[in-house]
N, C-alpha and C. Protein backbone atom coordinates (compact mmCIF):
# COMPACT_ATOMS: atom_id res chain seq x y z
N MET A 1 2.59 -21.80 0.47
CA MET A 1 2.71 -20.37 0.40
C MET A 1 3.01 -19.79 1.76
N SER A 2 2.00 -19.43 2.53
CA SER A 2 2.25 -18.75 3.80
C SER A 2 1.96 -19.61 5.01
N GLY A 3 1.78 -20.89 4.81
CA GLY A 3 1.57 -21.78 5.94
C GLY A 3 0.14 -21.75 6.40
N PRO A 4 -0.16 -22.58 7.40
CA PRO A 4 -1.53 -22.64 7.87
C PRO A 4 -1.91 -21.35 8.58
N SER A 5 -3.16 -20.96 8.36
CA SER A 5 -3.62 -19.76 9.06
C SER A 5 -4.44 -20.19 10.27
N ARG A 6 -4.53 -19.29 11.20
CA ARG A 6 -5.36 -19.54 12.36
C ARG A 6 -6.79 -19.20 11.98
N ASP A 7 -7.75 -19.86 12.59
CA ASP A 7 -9.15 -19.67 12.23
C ASP A 7 -9.60 -18.22 12.34
N ASP A 8 -9.03 -17.48 13.28
CA ASP A 8 -9.49 -16.12 13.51
C ASP A 8 -8.64 -15.08 12.76
N GLU A 9 -7.78 -15.50 11.82
CA GLU A 9 -6.92 -14.58 11.09
C GLU A 9 -7.41 -14.36 9.68
N SER A 10 -7.28 -13.12 9.22
CA SER A 10 -7.50 -12.84 7.81
C SER A 10 -6.23 -13.22 7.05
N LEU A 11 -6.31 -13.23 5.72
CA LEU A 11 -5.14 -13.54 4.91
C LEU A 11 -4.03 -12.53 5.20
N GLU A 12 -4.37 -11.26 5.32
CA GLU A 12 -3.37 -10.23 5.61
C GLU A 12 -2.71 -10.47 6.97
N GLN A 13 -3.47 -10.85 7.95
CA GLN A 13 -2.91 -11.13 9.27
C GLN A 13 -1.98 -12.34 9.23
N THR A 14 -2.39 -13.36 8.48
CA THR A 14 -1.56 -14.55 8.33
C THR A 14 -0.25 -14.19 7.64
N LEU A 15 -0.32 -13.39 6.58
CA LEU A 15 0.89 -12.97 5.87
C LEU A 15 1.79 -12.14 6.77
N ASP A 16 1.20 -11.25 7.56
CA ASP A 16 1.99 -10.44 8.49
C ASP A 16 2.68 -11.32 9.53
N ARG A 17 1.95 -12.29 10.06
CA ARG A 17 2.53 -13.21 11.05
C ARG A 17 3.65 -14.03 10.41
N ASN A 18 3.39 -14.56 9.21
CA ASN A 18 4.42 -15.34 8.52
C ASN A 18 5.65 -14.50 8.22
N TRP A 19 5.45 -13.27 7.84
CA TRP A 19 6.57 -12.38 7.55
C TRP A 19 7.39 -12.14 8.83
N GLY A 20 6.72 -11.89 9.93
CA GLY A 20 7.42 -11.67 11.20
C GLY A 20 8.20 -12.91 11.63
N GLU A 21 7.61 -14.08 11.48
CA GLU A 21 8.31 -15.32 11.84
C GLU A 21 9.52 -15.54 10.95
N LEU A 22 9.35 -15.27 9.66
CA LEU A 22 10.45 -15.44 8.72
C LEU A 22 11.59 -14.47 9.04
N LEU A 23 11.28 -13.24 9.40
CA LEU A 23 12.32 -12.28 9.75
C LEU A 23 13.10 -12.73 10.99
N GLN A 24 12.42 -13.30 11.96
CA GLN A 24 13.11 -13.82 13.15
C GLN A 24 14.07 -14.93 12.76
N GLU A 25 13.63 -15.83 11.90
CA GLU A 25 14.49 -16.92 11.45
C GLU A 25 15.68 -16.38 10.67
N LEU A 26 15.44 -15.39 9.81
CA LEU A 26 16.53 -14.81 9.02
C LEU A 26 17.57 -14.14 9.90
N ARG A 27 17.14 -13.52 10.99
CA ARG A 27 18.09 -12.87 11.90
C ARG A 27 19.09 -13.89 12.47
N VAL A 28 18.59 -15.03 12.86
CA VAL A 28 19.46 -16.08 13.40
C VAL A 28 20.40 -16.60 12.31
N ALA A 29 19.85 -16.92 11.16
CA ALA A 29 20.65 -17.46 10.06
C ALA A 29 21.68 -16.45 9.57
N GLN A 30 21.28 -15.19 9.45
CA GLN A 30 22.21 -14.17 8.97
C GLN A 30 23.41 -14.01 9.89
N THR A 31 23.17 -14.06 11.18
CA THR A 31 24.28 -13.93 12.13
C THR A 31 25.29 -15.05 11.93
N ALA A 32 24.81 -16.27 11.83
CA ALA A 32 25.71 -17.41 11.65
C ALA A 32 26.48 -17.30 10.33
N VAL A 33 25.80 -16.94 9.27
CA VAL A 33 26.45 -16.81 7.96
C VAL A 33 27.46 -15.67 7.97
N GLN A 34 27.11 -14.58 8.59
CA GLN A 34 28.02 -13.43 8.63
C GLN A 34 29.29 -13.75 9.41
N ILE A 35 29.17 -14.50 10.48
CA ILE A 35 30.36 -14.87 11.26
C ILE A 35 31.27 -15.77 10.42
N LEU A 36 30.70 -16.78 9.77
CA LEU A 36 31.50 -17.67 8.93
C LEU A 36 32.14 -16.88 7.79
N THR A 37 31.37 -16.02 7.14
CA THR A 37 31.89 -15.24 6.02
C THR A 37 33.02 -14.33 6.47
N ALA A 38 32.85 -13.69 7.62
CA ALA A 38 33.90 -12.81 8.12
C ALA A 38 35.19 -13.58 8.37
N PHE A 39 35.07 -14.76 8.97
CA PHE A 39 36.25 -15.59 9.19
C PHE A 39 36.92 -15.95 7.87
N LEU A 40 36.10 -16.36 6.91
CA LEU A 40 36.65 -16.77 5.61
C LEU A 40 37.32 -15.60 4.89
N LEU A 41 36.77 -14.41 5.02
CA LEU A 41 37.35 -13.25 4.34
C LEU A 41 38.70 -12.85 4.94
N THR A 42 38.93 -13.19 6.20
CA THR A 42 40.21 -12.84 6.83
C THR A 42 41.26 -13.93 6.70
N ALA A 43 40.85 -15.15 6.42
CA ALA A 43 41.78 -16.29 6.39
C ALA A 43 42.98 -16.11 5.44
N PRO A 44 42.79 -15.56 4.24
CA PRO A 44 43.95 -15.44 3.35
C PRO A 44 45.05 -14.51 3.86
N PHE A 45 44.72 -13.70 4.84
CA PHE A 45 45.70 -12.76 5.36
C PHE A 45 46.54 -13.35 6.50
N SER A 46 46.29 -14.60 6.84
CA SER A 46 47.12 -15.25 7.86
C SER A 46 48.32 -15.89 7.18
N ALA A 47 49.41 -16.01 7.91
CA ALA A 47 50.64 -16.56 7.36
C ALA A 47 50.47 -18.01 6.91
N ALA A 48 49.66 -18.77 7.63
CA ALA A 48 49.50 -20.19 7.32
C ALA A 48 48.75 -20.42 6.00
N PHE A 49 48.06 -19.42 5.50
CA PHE A 49 47.28 -19.60 4.27
C PHE A 49 48.19 -19.98 3.10
N ASP A 50 49.41 -19.47 3.10
CA ASP A 50 50.35 -19.77 2.02
C ASP A 50 50.71 -21.25 1.95
N GLU A 51 50.49 -21.98 3.04
CA GLU A 51 50.84 -23.39 3.09
C GLU A 51 49.74 -24.32 2.57
N LEU A 52 48.59 -23.77 2.20
CA LEU A 52 47.49 -24.60 1.71
C LEU A 52 47.86 -25.25 0.38
N THR A 53 47.38 -26.47 0.20
CA THR A 53 47.56 -27.15 -1.08
C THR A 53 46.60 -26.54 -2.10
N GLN A 54 46.79 -26.89 -3.35
CA GLN A 54 45.89 -26.40 -4.41
C GLN A 54 44.46 -26.86 -4.14
N THR A 55 44.29 -28.11 -3.72
CA THR A 55 42.94 -28.62 -3.41
C THR A 55 42.32 -27.82 -2.27
N GLN A 56 43.09 -27.57 -1.24
CA GLN A 56 42.57 -26.80 -0.10
C GLN A 56 42.21 -25.37 -0.52
N ARG A 57 42.96 -24.79 -1.42
CA ARG A 57 42.65 -23.44 -1.91
C ARG A 57 41.35 -23.45 -2.71
N ILE A 58 41.17 -24.47 -3.52
CA ILE A 58 39.93 -24.58 -4.31
C ILE A 58 38.73 -24.74 -3.38
N VAL A 59 38.87 -25.63 -2.39
CA VAL A 59 37.79 -25.82 -1.43
C VAL A 59 37.51 -24.51 -0.68
N TYR A 60 38.57 -23.81 -0.31
CA TYR A 60 38.40 -22.52 0.37
C TYR A 60 37.56 -21.56 -0.49
N VAL A 61 37.90 -21.44 -1.76
CA VAL A 61 37.17 -20.52 -2.64
C VAL A 61 35.71 -20.96 -2.79
N VAL A 62 35.47 -22.24 -2.93
CA VAL A 62 34.10 -22.75 -3.03
C VAL A 62 33.33 -22.45 -1.75
N VAL A 63 33.94 -22.71 -0.60
CA VAL A 63 33.30 -22.44 0.69
C VAL A 63 33.02 -20.94 0.83
N LEU A 64 33.98 -20.12 0.47
CA LEU A 64 33.79 -18.67 0.54
C LEU A 64 32.62 -18.23 -0.32
N MET A 65 32.56 -18.74 -1.55
CA MET A 65 31.47 -18.35 -2.45
C MET A 65 30.12 -18.86 -1.95
N CYS A 66 30.09 -20.06 -1.39
CA CYS A 66 28.83 -20.56 -0.80
C CYS A 66 28.39 -19.67 0.35
N SER A 67 29.32 -19.28 1.19
CA SER A 67 29.00 -18.47 2.35
C SER A 67 28.55 -17.06 1.94
N VAL A 68 29.27 -16.44 1.02
CA VAL A 68 28.89 -15.10 0.56
C VAL A 68 27.54 -15.14 -0.16
N THR A 69 27.34 -16.12 -1.01
CA THR A 69 26.06 -16.23 -1.72
C THR A 69 24.93 -16.50 -0.74
N SER A 70 25.19 -17.32 0.27
CA SER A 70 24.19 -17.56 1.30
C SER A 70 23.83 -16.27 2.01
N ALA A 71 24.83 -15.47 2.35
CA ALA A 71 24.57 -14.18 3.01
C ALA A 71 23.72 -13.29 2.11
N ILE A 72 24.03 -13.25 0.83
CA ILE A 72 23.25 -12.43 -0.11
C ILE A 72 21.80 -12.92 -0.15
N LEU A 73 21.61 -14.23 -0.26
CA LEU A 73 20.25 -14.77 -0.33
C LEU A 73 19.46 -14.49 0.94
N LEU A 74 20.12 -14.58 2.09
CA LEU A 74 19.44 -14.35 3.36
C LEU A 74 19.18 -12.87 3.63
N LEU A 75 19.93 -12.00 3.01
CA LEU A 75 19.72 -10.55 3.16
C LEU A 75 18.75 -9.99 2.12
N THR A 76 18.57 -10.70 1.02
CA THR A 76 17.71 -10.20 -0.06
C THR A 76 16.28 -9.91 0.39
N PRO A 77 15.65 -10.73 1.24
CA PRO A 77 14.30 -10.37 1.67
C PRO A 77 14.21 -8.99 2.33
N VAL A 78 15.25 -8.61 3.05
CA VAL A 78 15.27 -7.29 3.68
C VAL A 78 15.32 -6.20 2.61
N ALA A 79 16.20 -6.39 1.61
CA ALA A 79 16.30 -5.42 0.52
C ALA A 79 15.00 -5.35 -0.27
N LEU A 80 14.40 -6.49 -0.53
CA LEU A 80 13.12 -6.50 -1.24
C LEU A 80 12.04 -5.78 -0.45
N HIS A 81 12.02 -6.02 0.84
CA HIS A 81 11.02 -5.37 1.69
C HIS A 81 11.18 -3.85 1.63
N ARG A 82 12.42 -3.38 1.65
CA ARG A 82 12.66 -1.93 1.58
C ARG A 82 12.13 -1.37 0.26
N GLN A 83 12.33 -2.11 -0.83
CA GLN A 83 11.90 -1.63 -2.14
C GLN A 83 10.38 -1.73 -2.32
N LEU A 84 9.77 -2.68 -1.66
CA LEU A 84 8.33 -2.93 -1.87
C LEU A 84 7.47 -2.51 -0.68
N PHE A 85 8.05 -1.82 0.28
CA PHE A 85 7.34 -1.41 1.48
C PHE A 85 6.06 -0.65 1.12
N ARG A 86 4.97 -1.11 1.68
CA ARG A 86 3.64 -0.50 1.51
C ARG A 86 3.19 -0.43 0.05
N ARG A 87 3.54 -1.44 -0.70
CA ARG A 87 3.12 -1.51 -2.10
C ARG A 87 2.19 -2.69 -2.37
N GLY A 88 1.69 -3.31 -1.30
CA GLY A 88 0.73 -4.39 -1.47
C GLY A 88 1.33 -5.68 -2.00
N GLN A 89 2.59 -5.92 -1.73
CA GLN A 89 3.28 -7.10 -2.25
C GLN A 89 3.61 -8.12 -1.17
N ARG A 90 2.90 -8.07 -0.04
CA ARG A 90 3.24 -8.93 1.09
C ARG A 90 3.21 -10.41 0.73
N ARG A 91 2.19 -10.85 0.01
CA ARG A 91 2.09 -12.27 -0.35
C ARG A 91 3.30 -12.71 -1.18
N TRP A 92 3.63 -11.94 -2.21
CA TRP A 92 4.78 -12.26 -3.05
C TRP A 92 6.06 -12.23 -2.22
N LEU A 93 6.17 -11.24 -1.35
CA LEU A 93 7.36 -11.09 -0.52
C LEU A 93 7.56 -12.28 0.40
N VAL A 94 6.49 -12.74 1.04
CA VAL A 94 6.58 -13.89 1.95
C VAL A 94 6.99 -15.15 1.17
N GLU A 95 6.36 -15.37 0.01
CA GLU A 95 6.69 -16.55 -0.79
C GLU A 95 8.13 -16.50 -1.29
N THR A 96 8.54 -15.35 -1.81
CA THR A 96 9.89 -15.20 -2.35
C THR A 96 10.93 -15.32 -1.24
N ALA A 97 10.68 -14.67 -0.12
CA ALA A 97 11.61 -14.73 1.01
C ALA A 97 11.76 -16.16 1.51
N ASN A 98 10.68 -16.92 1.50
CA ASN A 98 10.74 -18.32 1.90
C ASN A 98 11.69 -19.10 0.99
N HIS A 99 11.56 -18.90 -0.32
CA HIS A 99 12.44 -19.59 -1.27
C HIS A 99 13.90 -19.14 -1.12
N LEU A 100 14.10 -17.85 -0.94
CA LEU A 100 15.46 -17.33 -0.76
C LEU A 100 16.09 -17.88 0.52
N ALA A 101 15.30 -17.94 1.59
CA ALA A 101 15.81 -18.46 2.86
C ALA A 101 16.20 -19.94 2.72
N ARG A 102 15.38 -20.71 2.05
CA ARG A 102 15.70 -22.12 1.84
C ARG A 102 17.00 -22.29 1.05
N ALA A 103 17.11 -21.52 -0.03
CA ALA A 103 18.33 -21.59 -0.85
C ALA A 103 19.54 -21.12 -0.05
N GLY A 104 19.36 -20.08 0.73
CA GLY A 104 20.45 -19.59 1.57
C GLY A 104 20.91 -20.62 2.58
N LEU A 105 19.95 -21.34 3.16
CA LEU A 105 20.31 -22.37 4.13
C LEU A 105 21.03 -23.55 3.48
N VAL A 106 20.63 -23.90 2.26
CA VAL A 106 21.33 -24.97 1.54
C VAL A 106 22.79 -24.58 1.30
N LEU A 107 23.00 -23.35 0.85
CA LEU A 107 24.38 -22.90 0.63
C LEU A 107 25.15 -22.76 1.93
N PHE A 108 24.46 -22.36 2.99
CA PHE A 108 25.13 -22.27 4.30
C PHE A 108 25.54 -23.66 4.77
N ALA A 109 24.68 -24.65 4.54
CA ALA A 109 25.03 -26.03 4.90
C ALA A 109 26.26 -26.47 4.12
N ALA A 110 26.27 -26.19 2.81
CA ALA A 110 27.44 -26.56 1.99
C ALA A 110 28.69 -25.85 2.48
N ALA A 111 28.56 -24.58 2.84
CA ALA A 111 29.72 -23.83 3.35
C ALA A 111 30.23 -24.44 4.64
N ASN A 112 29.34 -24.86 5.52
CA ASN A 112 29.76 -25.47 6.77
C ASN A 112 30.45 -26.80 6.55
N VAL A 113 29.89 -27.62 5.70
CA VAL A 113 30.52 -28.92 5.39
C VAL A 113 31.91 -28.68 4.81
N GLY A 114 32.00 -27.77 3.86
CA GLY A 114 33.29 -27.47 3.25
C GLY A 114 34.28 -26.88 4.24
N ALA A 115 33.80 -26.00 5.11
CA ALA A 115 34.69 -25.39 6.11
C ALA A 115 35.21 -26.44 7.09
N VAL A 116 34.34 -27.36 7.49
CA VAL A 116 34.78 -28.44 8.38
C VAL A 116 35.83 -29.28 7.67
N TRP A 117 35.56 -29.64 6.41
CA TRP A 117 36.53 -30.44 5.66
C TRP A 117 37.87 -29.72 5.60
N LEU A 118 37.84 -28.42 5.27
CA LEU A 118 39.07 -27.66 5.10
C LEU A 118 39.88 -27.59 6.39
N VAL A 119 39.23 -27.23 7.48
CA VAL A 119 39.93 -27.10 8.75
C VAL A 119 40.48 -28.45 9.22
N VAL A 120 39.65 -29.48 9.16
CA VAL A 120 40.10 -30.79 9.64
C VAL A 120 41.17 -31.36 8.72
N ASP A 121 41.08 -31.10 7.41
CA ASP A 121 42.12 -31.56 6.50
C ASP A 121 43.46 -30.92 6.84
N ILE A 122 43.45 -29.65 7.20
CA ILE A 122 44.69 -28.96 7.59
C ILE A 122 45.22 -29.52 8.91
N VAL A 123 44.33 -29.76 9.84
CA VAL A 123 44.74 -30.15 11.20
C VAL A 123 45.08 -31.64 11.30
N LEU A 124 44.24 -32.50 10.72
CA LEU A 124 44.41 -33.95 10.93
C LEU A 124 44.63 -34.75 9.65
N GLY A 125 44.31 -34.20 8.51
CA GLY A 125 44.51 -34.92 7.26
C GLY A 125 43.21 -35.42 6.64
N GLY A 126 43.33 -35.92 5.41
CA GLY A 126 42.22 -36.28 4.55
C GLY A 126 41.15 -37.20 5.07
N PRO A 127 41.50 -38.42 5.50
CA PRO A 127 40.44 -39.37 5.89
C PRO A 127 39.55 -38.86 7.02
N VAL A 128 40.16 -38.29 8.03
CA VAL A 128 39.37 -37.77 9.16
C VAL A 128 38.53 -36.59 8.69
N ALA A 129 39.08 -35.77 7.80
CA ALA A 129 38.34 -34.61 7.28
C ALA A 129 37.08 -35.06 6.55
N TRP A 130 37.21 -36.11 5.74
CA TRP A 130 36.04 -36.60 5.02
C TRP A 130 34.98 -37.15 5.97
N VAL A 131 35.41 -37.89 6.96
CA VAL A 131 34.45 -38.48 7.91
C VAL A 131 33.70 -37.38 8.67
N LEU A 132 34.44 -36.41 9.18
CA LEU A 132 33.80 -35.36 9.97
C LEU A 132 32.95 -34.43 9.12
N ALA A 133 33.42 -34.08 7.93
CA ALA A 133 32.62 -33.23 7.05
C ALA A 133 31.33 -33.93 6.64
N CYS A 134 31.43 -35.19 6.29
CA CYS A 134 30.22 -35.95 5.93
C CYS A 134 29.29 -36.07 7.13
N SER A 135 29.84 -36.25 8.32
CA SER A 135 29.01 -36.33 9.53
C SER A 135 28.24 -35.04 9.75
N VAL A 136 28.90 -33.91 9.56
CA VAL A 136 28.22 -32.62 9.70
C VAL A 136 27.11 -32.50 8.64
N GLY A 137 27.41 -32.90 7.43
CA GLY A 137 26.41 -32.86 6.36
C GLY A 137 25.20 -33.73 6.67
N VAL A 138 25.46 -34.94 7.13
CA VAL A 138 24.37 -35.85 7.49
C VAL A 138 23.55 -35.27 8.64
N LEU A 139 24.22 -34.72 9.64
CA LEU A 139 23.50 -34.13 10.77
C LEU A 139 22.57 -33.01 10.31
N MET A 140 23.05 -32.16 9.42
CA MET A 140 22.19 -31.07 8.92
C MET A 140 21.02 -31.61 8.10
N VAL A 141 21.28 -32.61 7.27
CA VAL A 141 20.19 -33.19 6.48
C VAL A 141 19.14 -33.81 7.40
N VAL A 142 19.58 -34.52 8.42
CA VAL A 142 18.65 -35.14 9.35
C VAL A 142 17.84 -34.09 10.11
N LEU A 143 18.54 -33.12 10.71
CA LEU A 143 17.85 -32.14 11.56
C LEU A 143 17.06 -31.11 10.76
N TRP A 144 17.58 -30.69 9.61
CA TRP A 144 16.95 -29.62 8.85
C TRP A 144 15.94 -30.13 7.83
N LEU A 145 16.03 -31.41 7.46
CA LEU A 145 15.17 -31.93 6.40
C LEU A 145 14.36 -33.15 6.84
N ALA A 146 15.04 -34.18 7.29
CA ALA A 146 14.36 -35.44 7.61
C ALA A 146 13.40 -35.30 8.79
N VAL A 147 13.83 -34.64 9.85
CA VAL A 147 12.96 -34.49 11.03
C VAL A 147 11.68 -33.71 10.68
N PRO A 148 11.80 -32.55 10.02
CA PRO A 148 10.55 -31.84 9.66
C PRO A 148 9.66 -32.63 8.70
N ILE A 149 10.27 -33.33 7.74
CA ILE A 149 9.45 -34.13 6.81
C ILE A 149 8.74 -35.24 7.58
N GLY A 150 9.46 -35.89 8.48
CA GLY A 150 8.84 -36.94 9.29
C GLY A 150 7.71 -36.40 10.15
N LEU A 151 7.90 -35.25 10.72
CA LEU A 151 6.86 -34.63 11.55
C LEU A 151 5.64 -34.27 10.71
N ARG A 152 5.87 -33.71 9.53
CA ARG A 152 4.74 -33.37 8.64
C ARG A 152 3.97 -34.62 8.25
N ARG A 153 4.68 -35.68 7.92
CA ARG A 153 4.02 -36.94 7.54
C ARG A 153 3.23 -37.51 8.72
N SER A 154 3.82 -37.44 9.90
CA SER A 154 3.15 -37.94 11.10
C SER A 154 1.87 -37.15 11.36
N GLN A 155 1.96 -35.85 11.24
CA GLN A 155 0.77 -35.00 11.46
C GLN A 155 -0.28 -35.26 10.38
N ALA A 156 0.16 -35.47 9.15
CA ALA A 156 -0.78 -35.73 8.05
C ALA A 156 -1.51 -37.06 8.27
N SER A 157 -0.79 -38.07 8.74
CA SER A 157 -1.43 -39.37 8.96
C SER A 157 -2.38 -39.34 10.15
N GLU A 158 -2.12 -38.46 11.11
CA GLU A 158 -3.01 -38.33 12.26
C GLU A 158 -4.33 -37.66 11.88
N THR A 159 -4.30 -36.80 10.87
CA THR A 159 -5.52 -36.07 10.48
C THR A 159 -6.36 -36.83 9.47
N THR A 160 -5.80 -37.93 8.92
CA THR A 160 -6.58 -38.70 7.93
C THR A 160 -7.23 -39.89 8.56
């Protein structure tokens, strides 16, 4: 739910701290997603866009939709907060925002992998595009998933 609390914190203080930390994380993620989305929204207006293959166009649309959906998911906690401000919904808001942020990051990762594939496929061709896109995907899985899971397991084994 809201993560570990400090011994001297009430539940409300823990939720407030978790909300503040989550908002800081969302600010960073939103900026990255917004930059990618802005680039993707302008790409069809370049002259070179007409030269894309059908596969590249499909990948472009999938990447665009992943990026836009990621932006929506990462902005939704802000919209929810505005609607629920001072209504005693902090616990629900923190839990929901956490799930939305996770889903948004998954879609952002997919958008990045797809964007790398698309750009490298245009510049260097298929085989290199697959290698580099998969490398980016693996790097994100390792840094965003495997490292934290390993750290949690390490900490859990130290406390038992």
